[in-house]
């Protein structure tokens, strides 16, 4: 859960590297897409318009990470 909290903070501060790192760690820890979406919703509510840009990027990242995780591949740098 702490990795997902870090994702929300990274979205609100606009740090793409932090978003990618903490999303990857969250997926490794077993985070689901639904949990990630709940965190994205909170980040958007708290961060407003700027967070929407990074939230969209985070959504694409989480989908890539989950797809890679399901296939057993690494999505580092996705």
N, C-alpha and C. Protein backbone atom coordinates (compact mmCIF):
# COMPACT_ATOMS: atom_id res chain seq x y z
N UNK A 1 0.82 -1.20 0.00
CA UNK A 1 0.00 0.00 0.00
C UNK A 1 0.86 1.26 0.00
N UNK A 2 2.01 1.22 0.69
CA UNK A 2 2.84 2.43 0.75
C UNK A 2 3.36 2.80 -0.63
N UNK A 3 3.60 1.82 -1.51
CA UNK A 3 4.05 2.15 -2.86
C UNK A 3 2.95 2.88 -3.63
N UNK A 4 1.71 2.50 -3.41
CA UNK A 4 0.61 3.19 -4.09
C UNK A 4 0.43 4.60 -3.55
N UNK A 5 0.67 4.80 -2.28
CA UNK A 5 0.63 6.16 -1.72
C UNK A 5 1.73 6.99 -2.37
N UNK A 6 2.90 6.39 -2.54
CA UNK A 6 4.00 7.10 -3.20
C UNK A 6 3.64 7.44 -4.64
N UNK A 7 2.89 6.57 -5.31
CA UNK A 7 2.44 6.86 -6.68
C UNK A 7 1.56 8.11 -6.68
N UNK A 8 0.62 8.19 -5.74
CA UNK A 8 -0.27 9.35 -5.68
C UNK A 8 0.54 10.63 -5.47
N UNK A 9 1.51 10.58 -4.59
CA UNK A 9 2.35 11.76 -4.34
C UNK A 9 3.14 12.11 -5.60
N UNK A 10 3.69 11.11 -6.26
CA UNK A 10 4.46 11.35 -7.48
C UNK A 10 3.60 11.97 -8.57
N UNK A 11 2.36 11.53 -8.68
CA UNK A 11 1.45 12.11 -9.67
C UNK A 11 1.20 13.58 -9.34
N UNK A 12 0.96 13.87 -8.08
CA UNK A 12 0.67 15.25 -7.67
C UNK A 12 1.89 16.17 -7.82
N UNK A 13 3.09 15.60 -7.71
CA UNK A 13 4.30 16.42 -7.87
C UNK A 13 4.83 16.40 -9.29
N UNK A 14 4.26 15.55 -10.14
CA UNK A 14 4.65 15.51 -11.54
C UNK A 14 6.00 14.88 -11.81
N UNK A 15 6.34 13.84 -11.08
CA UNK A 15 7.63 13.17 -11.26
C UNK A 15 7.44 11.84 -11.97
N UNK A 16 7.67 11.83 -13.29
CA UNK A 16 7.46 10.61 -14.07
C UNK A 16 8.35 9.46 -13.62
N UNK A 17 9.59 9.74 -13.29
CA UNK A 17 10.49 8.70 -12.83
C UNK A 17 10.00 8.06 -11.55
N UNK A 18 9.50 8.89 -10.65
CA UNK A 18 8.97 8.38 -9.38
C UNK A 18 7.70 7.56 -9.62
N UNK A 19 6.86 8.02 -10.53
CA UNK A 19 5.64 7.27 -10.85
C UNK A 19 6.01 5.88 -11.35
N UNK A 20 6.94 5.82 -12.30
CA UNK A 20 7.34 4.54 -12.88
C UNK A 20 7.94 3.62 -11.82
N UNK A 21 8.84 4.15 -11.01
CA UNK A 21 9.50 3.33 -9.99
C UNK A 21 8.49 2.77 -9.00
N UNK A 22 7.64 3.63 -8.46
CA UNK A 22 6.71 3.19 -7.41
C UNK A 22 5.60 2.30 -7.98
N UNK A 23 5.20 2.52 -9.23
CA UNK A 23 4.23 1.62 -9.84
C UNK A 23 4.84 0.23 -10.02
N UNK A 24 6.08 0.18 -10.47
CA UNK A 24 6.72 -1.12 -10.64
C UNK A 24 6.83 -1.85 -9.31
N UNK A 25 7.21 -1.13 -8.27
CA UNK A 25 7.31 -1.74 -6.95
C UNK A 25 5.93 -2.17 -6.44
N UNK A 26 4.90 -1.39 -6.73
CA UNK A 26 3.54 -1.75 -6.31
C UNK A 26 3.09 -3.03 -7.00
N UNK A 27 3.37 -3.15 -8.29
CA UNK A 27 3.00 -4.36 -9.02
C UNK A 27 3.76 -5.56 -8.46
N UNK A 28 5.04 -5.38 -8.17
CA UNK A 28 5.83 -6.47 -7.58
C UNK A 28 5.25 -6.90 -6.24
N UNK A 29 4.66 -5.94 -5.52
CA UNK A 29 4.07 -6.24 -4.21
C UNK A 29 2.65 -6.79 -4.32
N UNK A 30 2.13 -6.89 -5.56
CA UNK A 30 0.83 -7.50 -5.76
C UNK A 30 -0.33 -6.54 -5.95
N UNK A 31 -0.05 -5.27 -6.21
CA UNK A 31 -1.13 -4.29 -6.41
C UNK A 31 -1.94 -4.67 -7.65
N UNK A 32 -3.23 -4.45 -7.56
CA UNK A 32 -4.13 -4.73 -8.69
C UNK A 32 -4.42 -3.45 -9.45
N UNK A 33 -4.98 -3.60 -10.64
CA UNK A 33 -5.36 -2.43 -11.44
C UNK A 33 -6.42 -1.62 -10.70
N UNK A 34 -7.34 -2.30 -10.05
CA UNK A 34 -8.40 -1.60 -9.32
C UNK A 34 -7.82 -0.75 -8.19
N UNK A 35 -6.84 -1.28 -7.48
CA UNK A 35 -6.19 -0.50 -6.42
C UNK A 35 -5.47 0.70 -7.00
N UNK A 36 -4.79 0.48 -8.12
CA UNK A 36 -4.07 1.59 -8.76
C UNK A 36 -5.05 2.65 -9.24
N UNK A 37 -6.20 2.24 -9.78
CA UNK A 37 -7.20 3.20 -10.24
C UNK A 37 -7.76 4.02 -9.08
N UNK A 38 -7.94 3.39 -7.93
CA UNK A 38 -8.43 4.12 -6.76
C UNK A 38 -7.42 5.18 -6.33
N UNK A 39 -6.14 4.82 -6.39
CA UNK A 39 -5.09 5.78 -6.04
C UNK A 39 -5.04 6.91 -7.07
N UNK A 40 -5.18 6.58 -8.35
CA UNK A 40 -5.19 7.61 -9.38
C UNK A 40 -6.35 8.59 -9.16
N UNK A 41 -7.50 8.07 -8.77
CA UNK A 41 -8.66 8.93 -8.53
C UNK A 41 -8.38 9.92 -7.40
N UNK A 42 -7.76 9.44 -6.34
CA UNK A 42 -7.43 10.33 -5.22
C UNK A 42 -6.41 11.38 -5.66
N UNK A 43 -5.38 10.94 -6.40
CA UNK A 43 -4.36 11.88 -6.87
C UNK A 43 -4.98 12.95 -7.76
N UNK A 44 -5.91 12.56 -8.63
CA UNK A 44 -6.57 13.53 -9.50
C UNK A 44 -7.42 14.50 -8.70
N UNK A 45 -8.11 14.00 -7.70
CA UNK A 45 -8.94 14.86 -6.87
C UNK A 45 -8.09 15.88 -6.11
N UNK A 46 -6.93 15.45 -5.66
CA UNK A 46 -6.07 16.33 -4.87
C UNK A 46 -5.18 17.22 -5.73
N UNK A 47 -4.79 16.73 -6.91
CA UNK A 47 -3.82 17.45 -7.73
C UNK A 47 -4.41 18.26 -8.86
N UNK A 48 -5.68 18.10 -9.14
CA UNK A 48 -6.33 18.88 -10.18
C UNK A 48 -5.80 18.63 -11.58
N UNK A 49 -5.88 19.66 -12.40
CA UNK A 49 -5.51 19.57 -13.81
C UNK A 49 -4.11 19.01 -14.07
N UNK A 50 -3.08 19.55 -13.40
CA UNK A 50 -1.73 19.02 -13.65
C UNK A 50 -1.63 17.52 -13.34
N UNK A 51 -2.31 17.07 -12.31
CA UNK A 51 -2.25 15.65 -11.96
C UNK A 51 -2.94 14.80 -13.02
N UNK A 52 -3.88 15.38 -13.77
CA UNK A 52 -4.57 14.63 -14.82
C UNK A 52 -3.59 14.20 -15.91
N UNK A 53 -2.64 15.06 -16.22
CA UNK A 53 -1.63 14.72 -17.23
C UNK A 53 -0.80 13.53 -16.75
N UNK A 54 -0.31 13.60 -15.52
CA UNK A 54 0.53 12.54 -14.98
C UNK A 54 -0.29 11.30 -14.62
N UNK A 55 -1.55 11.48 -14.28
CA UNK A 55 -2.42 10.35 -14.01
C UNK A 55 -2.64 9.51 -15.26
N UNK A 56 -2.80 10.16 -16.40
CA UNK A 56 -2.93 9.44 -17.67
C UNK A 56 -1.69 8.64 -17.99
N UNK A 57 -0.54 9.25 -17.75
CA UNK A 57 0.72 8.55 -17.98
C UNK A 57 0.84 7.36 -17.02
N UNK A 58 0.43 7.57 -15.78
CA UNK A 58 0.49 6.50 -14.78
C UNK A 58 -0.42 5.35 -15.18
N UNK A 59 -1.59 5.66 -15.71
CA UNK A 59 -2.52 4.61 -16.13
C UNK A 59 -1.90 3.77 -17.25
N UNK A 60 -1.27 4.42 -18.22
CA UNK A 60 -0.61 3.67 -19.29
C UNK A 60 0.53 2.81 -18.72
N UNK A 61 1.25 3.37 -17.76
CA UNK A 61 2.35 2.61 -17.14
C UNK A 61 1.83 1.38 -16.40
N UNK A 62 0.77 1.55 -15.60
CA UNK A 62 0.26 0.43 -14.82
C UNK A 62 -0.25 -0.67 -15.74
N UNK A 63 -0.91 -0.29 -16.83
CA UNK A 63 -1.40 -1.31 -17.76
C UNK A 63 -0.23 -2.06 -18.40
N UNK A 64 0.83 -1.34 -18.76
CA UNK A 64 2.01 -1.99 -19.33
C UNK A 64 2.68 -2.91 -18.33
N UNK A 65 2.80 -2.46 -17.09
CA UNK A 65 3.42 -3.28 -16.06
C UNK A 65 2.61 -4.53 -15.77
N UNK A 66 1.30 -4.39 -15.68
CA UNK A 66 0.45 -5.54 -15.40
C UNK A 66 0.47 -6.53 -16.57
N UNK A 67 0.47 -6.01 -17.80
CA UNK A 67 0.55 -6.90 -18.97
C UNK A 67 1.88 -7.66 -18.96
N UNK A 68 2.95 -6.94 -18.68
CA UNK A 68 4.28 -7.58 -18.64
C UNK A 68 4.36 -8.60 -17.51
N UNK A 69 3.78 -8.24 -16.37
CA UNK A 69 3.79 -9.14 -15.23
C UNK A 69 3.03 -10.42 -15.54
N UNK A 70 1.91 -10.28 -16.22
CA UNK A 70 1.09 -11.44 -16.58
C UNK A 70 1.81 -12.35 -17.56
N UNK A 71 2.65 -11.75 -18.42
CA UNK A 71 3.36 -12.56 -19.41
C UNK A 71 4.73 -13.00 -18.93
N UNK A 72 5.12 -12.53 -17.74
CA UNK A 72 6.41 -12.90 -17.19
C UNK A 72 7.56 -12.07 -17.69
N UNK A 73 7.29 -11.02 -18.46
CA UNK A 73 8.33 -10.16 -19.01
C UNK A 73 8.59 -8.99 -18.08
N UNK A 74 9.69 -8.31 -18.32
CA UNK A 74 10.01 -7.10 -17.56
C UNK A 74 9.53 -5.90 -18.34
N UNK A 75 8.94 -4.93 -17.63
CA UNK A 75 8.45 -3.72 -18.29
C UNK A 75 9.24 -2.51 -17.86
N UNK A 76 10.45 -2.71 -17.40
CA UNK A 76 11.28 -1.58 -16.98
C UNK A 76 11.51 -0.69 -18.19
N UNK A 77 11.28 0.60 -17.98
CA UNK A 77 11.46 1.55 -19.07
C UNK A 77 10.26 1.65 -19.98
N UNK A 78 9.17 0.98 -19.64
CA UNK A 78 7.97 1.01 -20.48
C UNK A 78 7.30 2.36 -20.44
